[in-house]
Amino acid sequence: SGGGLVQPGGSLRLSCAASGFTLDRYAIGWFRQAPGKEREGVAC
């Protein structure tokens, strides 16, 4: 959650809420994919 429309120079905070498991036993990555482009890893 947390996506939206923002002007250049602005900020957003995305959230990734997990259920059914606890995060401390997992690495969590953020990926992104733009139209016509390959999915790329952003942060982990």
PDB file of all heavy atoms in Angstrom:
ATOM      1  N   SER A   1       0.847  -1.181   0.000  1.00  0.00           N
ATOM      2  CA  SER A   1       0.000   0.000   0.000  1.00  0.00           C
ATOM      3  C   SER A   1       0.888   1.239   0.000  1.00  0.00           C
ATOM      4  O   SER A   1       2.100   1.147   0.219  1.00  0.00           O
ATOM      5  CB  SER A   1      -0.937   0.023   1.210  1.00  0.00           C
ATOM      6  OG  SER A   1      -0.195   0.045   2.412  1.00  0.00           O
ATOM      7  N   GLY A   2       0.284   2.387  -0.263  1.00  0.00           N
ATOM      8  CA  GLY A   2       1.007   3.644  -0.179  1.00  0.00           C
ATOM      9  C   GLY A   2       1.374   4.259  -1.514  1.00  0.00           C
ATOM     10  O   GLY A   2       1.940   5.356  -1.558  1.00  0.00           O
ATOM     11  N   GLY A   3       1.082   3.577  -2.601  1.00  0.00           N
ATOM     12  CA  GLY A   3       1.380   4.149  -3.898  1.00  0.00           C
ATOM     13  C   GLY A   3       0.448   5.304  -4.239  1.00  0.00           C
ATOM     14  O   GLY A   3      -0.514   5.581  -3.520  1.00  0.00           O
ATOM     15  N   GLY A   4       0.758   5.980  -5.335  1.00  0.00           N
ATOM     16  CA  GLY A   4      -0.085   7.084  -5.751  1.00  0.00           C
ATOM     17  C   GLY A   4       0.618   7.965  -6.761  1.00  0.00           C
ATOM     18  O   GLY A   4       1.664   7.604  -7.313  1.00  0.00           O
ATOM     19  N   LEU A   5       0.031   9.126  -6.976  1.00  0.00           N
ATOM     20  CA  LEU A   5       0.571  10.120  -7.907  1.00  0.00           C
ATOM     21  C   LEU A   5       1.281  11.208  -7.101  1.00  0.00           C
ATOM     22  O   LEU A   5       0.709  11.756  -6.140  1.00  0.00           O
ATOM     23  CB  LEU A   5      -0.558  10.738  -8.724  1.00  0.00           C
ATOM     24  CG  LEU A   5      -0.195  11.921  -9.631  1.00  0.00           C
ATOM     25  CD1 LEU A   5       0.781  11.486 -10.714  1.00  0.00           C
ATOM     26  CD2 LEU A   5      -1.465  12.518 -10.243  1.00  0.00           C
ATOM     27  N   VAL A   6       2.505  11.505  -7.495  1.00  0.00           N
ATOM     28  CA  VAL A   6       3.286  12.511  -6.785  1.00  0.00           C
ATOM     29  C   VAL A   6       4.072  13.313  -7.805  1.00  0.00           C
ATOM     30  O   VAL A   6       4.438  12.801  -8.866  1.00  0.00           O
ATOM     31  CB  VAL A   6       4.209  11.848  -5.740  1.00  0.00           C
ATOM     32  CG1 VAL A   6       5.226  10.943  -6.403  1.00  0.00           C
ATOM     33  CG2 VAL A   6       4.873  12.878  -4.838  1.00  0.00           C
ATOM     34  N   GLN A   7       4.336  14.564  -7.485  1.00  0.00           N
ATOM     35  CA  GLN A   7       5.122  15.405  -8.369  1.00  0.00           C
ATOM     36  C   GLN A   7       6.606  15.098  -8.238  1.00  0.00           C
ATOM     37  O   GLN A   7       7.049  14.595  -7.191  1.00  0.00           O
ATOM     38  CB  GLN A   7       4.875  16.873  -8.047  1.00  0.00           C
ATOM     39  CG  GLN A   7       3.484  17.366  -8.375  1.00  0.00           C
ATOM     40  CD  GLN A   7       3.333  18.860  -8.169  1.00  0.00           C
ATOM     41  OE1 GLN A   7       4.147  19.510  -7.505  1.00  0.00           O
ATOM     42  NE2 GLN A   7       2.283  19.427  -8.745  1.00  0.00           N
ATOM     43  N   PRO A   8       7.377  15.368  -9.269  1.00  0.00           N
ATOM     44  CA  PRO A   8       8.835  15.186  -9.160  1.00  0.00           C
ATOM     45  C   PRO A   8       9.381  15.943  -7.958  1.00  0.00           C
ATOM     46  O   PRO A   8       8.986  17.076  -7.686  1.00  0.00           O
ATOM     47  CB  PRO A   8       9.352  15.759 -10.468  1.00  0.00           C
ATOM     48  CG  PRO A   8       8.227  15.569 -11.432  1.00  0.00           C
ATOM     49  CD  PRO A   8       6.984  15.789 -10.628  1.00  0.00           C
ATOM     50  N   GLY A   9      10.284  15.275  -7.242  1.00  0.00           N
ATOM     51  CA  GLY A   9      10.828  15.838  -6.018  1.00  0.00           C
ATOM     52  C   GLY A   9      10.045  15.491  -4.778  1.00  0.00           C
ATOM     53  O   GLY A   9      10.509  15.750  -3.656  1.00  0.00           O
ATOM     54  N   GLY A  10       8.885  14.904  -4.953  1.00  0.00           N
ATOM     55  CA  GLY A  10       8.039  14.552  -3.820  1.00  0.00           C
ATOM     56  C   GLY A  10       8.436  13.243  -3.174  1.00  0.00           C
ATOM     57  O   GLY A  10       9.435  12.615  -3.550  1.00  0.00           O
ATOM     58  N   SER A  11       7.641  12.834  -2.187  1.00  0.00           N
ATOM     59  CA  SER A  11       7.928  11.631  -1.408  1.00  0.00           C
ATOM     60  C   SER A  11       6.691  10.757  -1.290  1.00  0.00           C
ATOM     61  O   SER A  11       5.557  11.243  -1.321  1.00  0.00           O
ATOM     62  CB  SER A  11       8.397  12.014   0.010  1.00  0.00           C
ATOM     63  OG  SER A  11       9.585  12.766  -0.024  1.00  0.00           O
ATOM     64  N   LEU A  12       6.939   9.479  -1.132  1.00  0.00           N
ATOM     65  CA  LEU A  12       5.908   8.499  -0.809  1.00  0.00           C
ATOM     66  C   LEU A  12       6.526   7.469   0.119  1.00  0.00           C
ATOM     67  O   LEU A  12       7.737   7.217   0.071  1.00  0.00           O
ATOM     68  CB  LEU A  12       5.390   7.786  -2.056  1.00  0.00           C
ATOM     69  CG  LEU A  12       4.441   8.525  -2.991  1.00  0.00           C
ATOM     70  CD1 LEU A  12       4.188   7.681  -4.240  1.00  0.00           C
ATOM     71  CD2 LEU A  12       3.124   8.846  -2.305  1.00  0.00           C
ATOM     72  N   ARG A  13       5.700   6.854   0.942  1.00  0.00           N
ATOM     73  CA  ARG A  13       6.142   5.722   1.737  1.00  0.00           C
ATOM     74  C   ARG A  13       5.265   4.527   1.415  1.00  0.00           C
ATOM     75  O   ARG A  13       4.053   4.554   1.635  1.00  0.00           O
ATOM     76  CB  ARG A  13       6.087   6.013   3.232  1.00  0.00           C
ATOM     77  CG  ARG A  13       6.745   4.907   4.059  1.00  0.00           C
ATOM     78  CD  ARG A  13       6.760   5.179   5.541  1.00  0.00           C
ATOM     79  NE  ARG A  13       5.477   4.903   6.173  1.00  0.00           N
ATOM     80  CZ  ARG A  13       5.320   4.655   7.467  1.00  0.00           C
ATOM     81  NH1 ARG A  13       6.372   4.642   8.272  1.00  0.00           N
ATOM     82  NH2 ARG A  13       4.125   4.440   7.978  1.00  0.00           N
ATOM     83  N   LEU A  14       5.904   3.498   0.903  1.00  0.00           N
ATOM     84  CA  LEU A  14       5.203   2.246   0.621  1.00  0.00           C
ATOM     85  C   LEU A  14       5.290   1.338   1.830  1.00  0.00           C
ATOM     86  O   LEU A  14       6.300   1.317   2.539  1.00  0.00           O
ATOM     87  CB  LEU A  14       5.824   1.560  -0.595  1.00  0.00           C
ATOM     88  CG  LEU A  14       5.927   2.373  -1.884  1.00  0.00           C
ATOM     89  CD1 LEU A  14       6.483   1.493  -3.002  1.00  0.00           C
ATOM     90  CD2 LEU A  14       4.594   2.966  -2.274  1.00  0.00           C
ATOM     91  N   SER A  15       4.229   0.578   2.024  1.00  0.00           N
ATOM     92  CA  SER A  15       4.188  -0.410   3.105  1.00  0.00           C
ATOM     93  C   SER A  15       3.965  -1.790   2.511  1.00  0.00           C
ATOM     94  O   SER A  15       3.254  -1.939   1.518  1.00  0.00           O
ATOM     95  CB  SER A  15       3.060  -0.092   4.085  1.00  0.00           C
ATOM     96  OG  SER A  15       3.244   1.164   4.699  1.00  0.00           O
ATOM     97  N   CYS A  16       4.567  -2.771   3.133  1.00  0.00           N
ATOM     98  CA  CYS A  16       4.381  -4.166   2.763  1.00  0.00           C
ATOM     99  C   CYS A  16       4.008  -4.912   4.040  1.00  0.00           C
ATOM    100  O   CYS A  16       4.872  -5.177   4.884  1.00  0.00           O
ATOM    101  CB  CYS A  16       5.656  -4.720   2.150  1.00  0.00           C
ATOM    102  SG  CYS A  16       5.635  -6.492   1.810  1.00  0.00           S
ATOM    103  N   ALA A  17       2.749  -5.210   4.190  1.00  0.00           N
ATOM    104  CA  ALA A  17       2.251  -5.884   5.390  1.00  0.00           C
ATOM    105  C   ALA A  17       2.206  -7.382   5.144  1.00  0.00           C
ATOM    106  O   ALA A  17       1.638  -7.853   4.149  1.00  0.00           O
ATOM    107  CB  ALA A  17       0.874  -5.365   5.752  1.00  0.00           C
ATOM    108  N   ALA A  18       2.812  -8.121   6.055  1.00  0.00           N
ATOM    109  CA  ALA A  18       2.885  -9.571   5.920  1.00  0.00           C
ATOM    110  C   ALA A  18       1.910 -10.255   6.878  1.00  0.00           C
ATOM    111  O   ALA A  18       1.716  -9.795   8.007  1.00  0.00           O
ATOM    112  CB  ALA A  18       4.300 -10.057   6.208  1.00  0.00           C
ATOM    113  N   SER A  19       1.343 -11.341   6.421  1.00  0.00           N
ATOM    114  CA  SER A  19       0.505 -12.175   7.281  1.00  0.00           C
ATOM    115  C   SER A  19       0.777 -13.626   6.957  1.00  0.00           C
ATOM    116  O   SER A  19       1.203 -13.957   5.853  1.00  0.00           O
ATOM    117  CB  SER A  19      -0.977 -11.846   7.089  1.00  0.00           C
ATOM    118  OG  SER A  19      -1.375 -12.084   5.758  1.00  0.00           O
ATOM    119  N   GLY A  20       0.573 -14.477   7.947  1.00  0.00           N
ATOM    120  CA  GLY A  20       0.803 -15.904   7.762  1.00  0.00           C
ATOM    121  C   GLY A  20       2.234 -16.331   8.010  1.00  0.00           C
ATOM    122  O   GLY A  20       2.543 -17.518   7.938  1.00  0.00           O
ATOM    123  N   PHE A  21       3.107 -15.385   8.308  1.00  0.00           N
ATOM    124  CA  PHE A  21       4.491 -15.709   8.644  1.00  0.00           C
ATOM    125  C   PHE A  21       5.081 -14.496   9.355  1.00  0.00           C
ATOM    126  O   PHE A  21       4.521 -13.399   9.322  1.00  0.00           O
ATOM    127  CB  PHE A  21       5.310 -16.050   7.394  1.00  0.00           C
ATOM    128  CG  PHE A  21       5.570 -14.874   6.479  1.00  0.00           C
ATOM    129  CD1 PHE A  21       6.813 -14.266   6.433  1.00  0.00           C
ATOM    130  CD2 PHE A  21       4.570 -14.377   5.659  1.00  0.00           C
ATOM    131  CE1 PHE A  21       7.053 -13.182   5.588  1.00  0.00           C
ATOM    132  CE2 PHE A  21       4.789 -13.297   4.815  1.00  0.00           C
ATOM    133  CZ  PHE A  21       6.033 -12.706   4.783  1.00  0.00           C
ATOM    134  N   THR A  22       6.213 -14.697   9.988  1.00  0.00           N
ATOM    135  CA  THR A  22       6.877 -13.592  10.664  1.00  0.00           C
ATOM    136  C   THR A  22       8.084 -13.160   9.847  1.00  0.00           C
ATOM    137  O   THR A  22       8.864 -13.990   9.378  1.00  0.00           O
ATOM    138  CB  THR A  22       7.316 -13.977  12.085  1.00  0.00           C
ATOM    139  OG1 THR A  22       8.101 -15.172  12.023  1.00  0.00           O
ATOM    140  CG2 THR A  22       6.113 -14.214  12.973  1.00  0.00           C
ATOM    141  N   LEU A  23       8.242 -11.865   9.747  1.00  0.00           N
ATOM    142  CA  LEU A  23       9.251 -11.309   8.860  1.00  0.00           C
ATOM    143  C   LEU A  23      10.681 -11.628   9.264  1.00  0.00           C
ATOM    144  O   LEU A  23      11.572 -11.598   8.415  1.00  0.00           O
ATOM    145  CB  LEU A  23       9.091  -9.781   8.781  1.00  0.00           C
ATOM    146  CG  LEU A  23       7.917  -9.258   7.976  1.00  0.00           C
ATOM    147  CD1 LEU A  23       7.886  -7.743   8.063  1.00  0.00           C
ATOM    148  CD2 LEU A  23       8.002  -9.708   6.532  1.00  0.00           C
ATOM    149  N   ASP A  24      10.909 -11.921  10.529  1.00  0.00           N
ATOM    150  CA  ASP A  24      12.295 -12.057  10.980  1.00  0.00           C
ATOM    151  C   ASP A  24      12.994 -13.275  10.394  1.00  0.00           C
ATOM    152  O   ASP A  24      14.210 -13.405  10.525  1.00  0.00           O
ATOM    153  CB  ASP A  24      12.368 -12.055  12.507  1.00  0.00           C
ATOM    154  CG  ASP A  24      11.559 -13.181  13.127  1.00  0.00           C
ATOM    155  OD1 ASP A  24      10.836 -13.876  12.387  1.00  0.00           O
ATOM    156  OD2 ASP A  24      11.649 -13.346  14.359  1.00  0.00           O
ATOM    157  N   ARG A  25      12.245 -14.160   9.753  1.00  0.00           N
ATOM    158  CA  ARG A  25      12.863 -15.323   9.119  1.00  0.00           C
ATOM    159  C   ARG A  25      12.941 -15.172   7.600  1.00  0.00           C
ATOM    160  O   ARG A  25      13.210 -16.140   6.890  1.00  0.00           O
ATOM    161  CB  ARG A  25      12.073 -16.588   9.454  1.00  0.00           C
ATOM    162  CG  ARG A  25      12.080 -16.937  10.922  1.00  0.00           C
ATOM    163  CD  ARG A  25      13.435 -17.390  11.394  1.00  0.00           C
ATOM    164  NE  ARG A  25      13.857 -18.620  10.742  1.00  0.00           N
ATOM    165  CZ  ARG A  25      15.043 -19.184  10.950  1.00  0.00           C
ATOM    166  NH1 ARG A  25      15.910 -18.623  11.764  1.00  0.00           N
ATOM    167  NH2 ARG A  25      15.356 -20.304  10.328  1.00  0.00           N
ATOM    168  N   TYR A  26      12.683 -13.952   7.115  1.00  0.00           N
ATOM    169  CA  TYR A  26      12.648 -13.718   5.681  1.00  0.00           C
ATOM    170  C   TYR A  26      13.411 -12.456   5.308  1.00  0.00           C
ATOM    171  O   TYR A  26      13.421 -11.477   6.063  1.00  0.00           O
ATOM    172  CB  TYR A  26      11.205 -13.569   5.200  1.00  0.00           C
ATOM    173  CG  TYR A  26      10.422 -14.856   5.188  1.00  0.00           C
ATOM    174  CD1 TYR A  26       9.917 -15.388   6.365  1.00  0.00           C
ATOM    175  CD2 TYR A  26      10.197 -15.545   4.004  1.00  0.00           C
ATOM    176  CE1 TYR A  26       9.211 -16.578   6.362  1.00  0.00           C
ATOM    177  CE2 TYR A  26       9.484 -16.728   3.990  1.00  0.00           C
ATOM    178  CZ  TYR A  26       8.999 -17.237   5.164  1.00  0.00           C
ATOM    179  OH  TYR A  26       8.297 -18.410   5.154  1.00  0.00           O
ATOM    180  N   ALA A  27      14.033 -12.496   4.139  1.00  0.00           N
ATOM    181  CA  ALA A  27      14.468 -11.265   3.499  1.00  0.00           C
ATOM    182  C   ALA A  27      13.281 -10.718   2.706  1.00  0.00           C
ATOM    183  O   ALA A  27      12.544 -11.485   2.073  1.00  0.00           O
ATOM    184  CB  ALA A  27      15.649 -11.516   2.573  1.00  0.00           C
ATOM    185  N   ILE A  28      13.106  -9.420   2.766  1.00  0.00           N
ATOM    186  CA  ILE A  28      12.029  -8.772   2.027  1.00  0.00           C
ATOM    187  C   ILE A  28      12.633  -7.821   1.010  1.00  0.00           C
ATOM    188  O   ILE A  28      13.459  -6.964   1.354  1.00  0.00           O
ATOM    189  CB  ILE A  28      11.091  -7.992   2.956  1.00  0.00           C
ATOM    190  CG1 ILE A  28      10.481  -8.920   4.010  1.00  0.00           C
ATOM    191  CG2 ILE A  28      10.002  -7.298   2.136  1.00  0.00           C
ATOM    192  CD1 ILE A  28       9.598 -10.016   3.444  1.00  0.00           C
ATOM    193  N   GLY A  29      12.243  -8.004  -0.209  1.00  0.00           N
ATOM    194  CA  GLY A  29      12.739  -7.151  -1.280  1.00  0.00           C
ATOM    195  C   GLY A  29      11.632  -6.311  -1.889  1.00  0.00           C
ATOM    196  O   GLY A  29      10.463  -6.726  -1.908  1.00  0.00           O
ATOM    197  N   TRP A  30      12.008  -5.158  -2.362  1.00  0.00           N
ATOM    198  CA  TRP A  30      11.116  -4.324  -3.171  1.00  0.00           C
ATOM    199  C   TRP A  30      11.622  -4.357  -4.612  1.00  0.00           C
ATOM    200  O   TRP A  30      12.811  -4.126  -4.866  1.00  0.00           O
ATOM    201  CB  TRP A  30      11.100  -2.880  -2.676  1.00  0.00           C
ATOM    202  CG  TRP A  30      10.289  -2.653  -1.449  1.00  0.00           C
ATOM    203  CD1 TRP A  30      10.741  -2.583  -0.165  1.00  0.00           C
ATOM    204  CD2 TRP A  30       8.874  -2.458  -1.382  1.00  0.00           C
ATOM    205  NE1 TRP A  30       9.691  -2.356   0.689  1.00  0.00           N
ATOM    206  CE2 TRP A  30       8.534  -2.266  -0.025  1.00  0.00           C
ATOM    207  CE3 TRP A  30       7.848  -2.414  -2.337  1.00  0.00           C
ATOM    208  CZ2 TRP A  30       7.223  -2.053   0.408  1.00  0.00           C
ATOM    209  CZ3 TRP A  30       6.549  -2.198  -1.913  1.00  0.00           C
ATOM    210  CH2 TRP A  30       6.248  -2.021  -0.562  1.00  0.00           C
ATOM    211  N   PHE A  31      10.716  -4.663  -5.506  1.00  0.00           N
ATOM    212  CA  PHE A  31      11.002  -4.678  -6.925  1.00  0.00           C
ATOM    213  C   PHE A  31      10.055  -3.679  -7.599  1.00  0.00           C
ATOM    214  O   PHE A  31       9.024  -3.305  -7.043  1.00  0.00           O
ATOM    215  CB  PHE A  31      10.762  -6.076  -7.511  1.00  0.00           C
ATOM    216  CG  PHE A  31      11.716  -7.125  -7.022  1.00  0.00           C
ATOM    217  CD1 PHE A  31      11.582  -7.696  -5.764  1.00  0.00           C
ATOM    218  CD2 PHE A  31      12.755  -7.574  -7.830  1.00  0.00           C
ATOM    219  CE1 PHE A  31      12.456  -8.674  -5.310  1.00  0.00           C
ATOM    220  CE2 PHE A  31      13.629  -8.555  -7.397  1.00  0.00           C
ATOM    221  CZ  PHE A  31      13.479  -9.099  -6.129  1.00  0.00           C
ATOM    222  N   ARG A  32      10.400  -3.315  -8.826  1.00  0.00           N
ATOM    223  CA  ARG A  32       9.487  -2.463  -9.590  1.00  0.00           C
ATOM    224  C   ARG A  32       9.527  -2.875 -11.048  1.00  0.00           C
ATOM    225  O   ARG A  32      10.517  -3.427 -11.530  1.00  0.00           O
ATOM    226  CB  ARG A  32       9.843  -0.993  -9.443  1.00  0.00           C
ATOM    227  CG  ARG A  32      11.196  -0.581 -10.006  1.00  0.00           C
ATOM    228  CD  ARG A  32      11.506   0.871  -9.658  1.00  0.00           C
ATOM    229  NE  ARG A  32      12.795   1.306 -10.185  1.00  0.00           N
ATOM    230  CZ  ARG A  32      13.349   2.482  -9.923  1.00  0.00           C
ATOM    231  NH1 ARG A  32      12.719   3.361  -9.136  1.00  0.00           N
ATOM    232  NH2 ARG A  32      14.520   2.796 -10.438  1.00  0.00           N
ATOM    233  N   GLN A  33       8.422  -2.610 -11.718  1.00  0.00           N
ATOM    234  CA  GLN A  33       8.333  -2.935 -13.135  1.00  0.00           C
ATOM    235  C   GLN A  33       7.519  -1.870 -13.842  1.00  0.00           C
ATOM    236  O   GLN A  33       6.354  -1.636 -13.498  1.00  0.00           O
ATOM    237  CB  GLN A  33       7.705  -4.313 -13.343  1.00  0.00           C
ATOM    238  CG  GLN A  33       7.752  -4.784 -14.779  1.00  0.00           C
ATOM    239  CD  GLN A  33       7.447  -6.255 -14.916  1.00  0.00           C
ATOM    240  OE1 GLN A  33       6.846  -6.883 -14.043  1.00  0.00           O
ATOM    241  NE2 GLN A  33       7.868  -6.843 -16.027  1.00  0.00           N
ATOM    242  N   ALA A  34       8.159  -1.231 -14.806  1.00  0.00           N
ATOM    243  CA  ALA A  34       7.494  -0.232 -15.634  1.00  0.00           C
ATOM    244  C   ALA A  34       7.009  -0.904 -16.917  1.00  0.00           C
ATOM    245  O   ALA A  34       7.554  -1.937 -17.316  1.00  0.00           O
ATOM    246  CB  ALA A  34       8.459   0.906 -15.952  1.00  0.00           C
ATOM    247  N   PRO A  35       6.004  -0.332 -17.568  1.00  0.00           N
ATOM    248  CA  PRO A  35       5.497  -0.937 -18.806  1.00  0.00           C
ATOM    249  C   PRO A  35       6.603  -1.124 -19.840  1.00  0.00           C
ATOM    250  O   PRO A  35       7.383  -0.213 -20.104  1.00  0.00           O
ATOM    251  CB  PRO A  35       4.465   0.086 -19.281  1.00  0.00           C
ATOM    252  CG  PRO A  35       4.019   0.778 -18.049  1.00  0.00           C
ATOM    253  CD  PRO A  35       5.232   0.848 -17.170  1.00  0.00           C
ATOM    254  N   GLY A  36       6.674  -2.326 -20.389  1.00  0.00           N
ATOM    255  CA  GLY A  36       7.658  -2.607 -21.424  1.00  0.00           C
ATOM    256  C   GLY A  36       9.066  -2.849 -20.922  1.00  0.00           C
ATOM    257  O   GLY A  36       9.982  -3.025 -21.722  1.00  0.00           O
ATOM    258  N   LYS A  37       9.233  -2.848 -19.606  1.00  0.00           N
ATOM    259  CA  LYS A  37      10.569  -3.049 -19.033  1.00  0.00           C
ATOM    260  C   LYS A  37      10.582  -4.282 -18.138  1.00  0.00           C
ATOM    261  O   LYS A  37       9.547  -4.743 -17.668  1.00  0.00           O
ATOM    262  CB  LYS A  37      10.999  -1.812 -18.242  1.00  0.00           C
ATOM    263  CG  LYS A  37      11.188  -0.572 -19.085  1.00  0.00           C
ATOM    264  CD  LYS A  37      11.797   0.544 -18.263  1.00  0.00           C
ATOM    265  CE  LYS A  37      12.073   1.775 -19.126  1.00  0.00           C
ATOM    266  NZ  LYS A  37      12.693   2.875 -18.328  1.00  0.00           N
ATOM    267  N   GLU A  38      11.779  -4.787 -17.908  1.00  0.00           N
ATOM    268  CA  GLU A  38      11.934  -5.930 -17.023  1.00  0.00           C
ATOM    269  C   GLU A  38      11.793  -5.492 -15.569  1.00  0.00           C
ATOM    270  O   GLU A  38      12.062  -4.344 -15.214  1.00  0.00           O
ATOM    271  CB  GLU A  38      13.301  -6.586 -17.247  1.00  0.00           C
ATOM    272  CG  GLU A  38      13.450  -7.248 -18.604  1.00  0.00           C
ATOM    273  CD  GLU A  38      14.733  -8.052 -18.715  1.00  0.00           C
ATOM    274  OE1 GLU A  38      15.528  -8.040 -17.758  1.00  0.00           O
ATOM    275  OE2 GLU A  38      14.935  -8.693 -19.755  1.00  0.00           O
ATOM    276  N   ARG A  39      11.390  -6.436 -14.751  1.00  0.00           N
ATOM    277  CA  ARG A  39      11.303  -6.173 -13.325  1.00  0.00           C
ATOM    278  C   ARG A  39      12.715  -5.997 -12.773  1.00  0.00           C
ATOM    279  O   ARG A  39      13.627  -6.751 -13.124  1.00  0.00           O
ATOM    280  CB  ARG A  39      10.607  -7.329 -12.627  1.00  0.00           C
ATOM    281  CG  ARG A  39      10.319  -7.107 -11.158  1.00  0.00           C
ATOM    282  CD  ARG A  39       9.400  -8.180 -10.618  1.00  0.00           C
ATOM    283  NE  ARG A  39       8.087  -8.154 -11.260  1.00  0.00           N
ATOM    284  CZ  ARG A  39       7.081  -8.937 -10.904  1.00  0.00           C
ATOM    285  NH1 ARG A  39       7.235  -9.809  -9.918  1.00  0.00           N
ATOM    286  NH2 ARG A  39       5.925  -8.872 -11.528  1.00  0.00           N
ATOM    287  N   GLU A  40      12.888  -5.001 -11.917  1.00  0.00           N
ATOM    288  CA  GLU A  40      14.207  -4.752 -11.341  1.00  0.00           C
ATOM    289  C   GLU A  40      14.104  -4.660  -9.825  1.00  0.00           C
ATOM    290  O   GLU A  40      13.111  -4.189  -9.275  1.00  0.00           O
ATOM    291  CB  GLU A  40      14.828  -3.475 -11.905  1.00  0.00           C
ATOM    292  CG  GLU A  40      14.098  -2.200 -11.572  1.00  0.00           C
ATOM    293  CD  GLU A  40      14.854  -0.952 -11.995  1.00  0.00           C
ATOM    294  OE1 GLU A  40      16.047  -1.062 -12.348  1.00  0.00           O
ATOM    295  OE2 GLU A  40      14.259   0.135 -11.962  1.00  0.00           O
ATOM    296  N   GLY A  41      15.157  -5.122  -9.180  1.00  0.00           N
ATOM    297  CA  GLY A  41      15.224  -5.034  -7.730  1.00  0.00           C
ATOM    298  C   GLY A  41      15.621  -3.646  -7.305  1.00  0.00           C
ATOM    299  O   GLY A  41      16.545  -3.055  -7.865  1.00  0.00           O
ATOM    300  N   VAL A  42      14.923  -3.115  -6.317  1.00  0.00           N
ATOM    301  CA  VAL A  42      15.139  -1.758  -5.857  1.00  0.00           C
ATOM    302  C   VAL A  42      15.843  -1.726  -4.499  1.00  0.00           C
ATOM    303  O   VAL A  42      16.811  -0.996  -4.309  1.00  0.00           O
ATOM    304  CB  VAL A  42      13.796  -1.006  -5.772  1.00  0.00           C
ATOM    305  CG1 VAL A  42      13.990   0.381  -5.179  1.00  0.00           C
ATOM    306  CG2 VAL A  42      13.138  -0.922  -7.136  1.00  0.00           C
ATOM    307  N   ALA A  43      15.355  -2.518  -3.574  1.00  0.00           N
ATOM    308  CA  ALA A  43      15.908  -2.515  -2.222  1.00  0.00           C
ATOM    309  C   ALA A  43      15.559  -3.829  -1.550  1.00  0.00           C
ATOM    310  O   ALA A  43      14.605  -4.510  -1.932  1.00  0.00           O
ATOM    311  CB  ALA A  43      15.363  -1.343  -1.401  1.00  0.00           C
ATOM    312  N   CYS A  44      16.336  -4.152  -0.537  1.00  0.00           N
ATOM    313  CA  CYS A  44      16.118  -5.413   0.180  1.00  0.00           C
ATOM    314  C   CYS A  44      16.629  -5.263   1.599  1.00  0.00           C
ATOM    315  O   CYS A  44      17.607  -4.537   1.853  1.00  0.00           O
ATOM    316  CB  CYS A  44      16.847  -6.541  -0.541  1.00  0.00           C
ATOM    317  SG  CYS A  44      16.736  -8.167   0.255  1.00  0.00           S
TER     318      CYS A  44
END
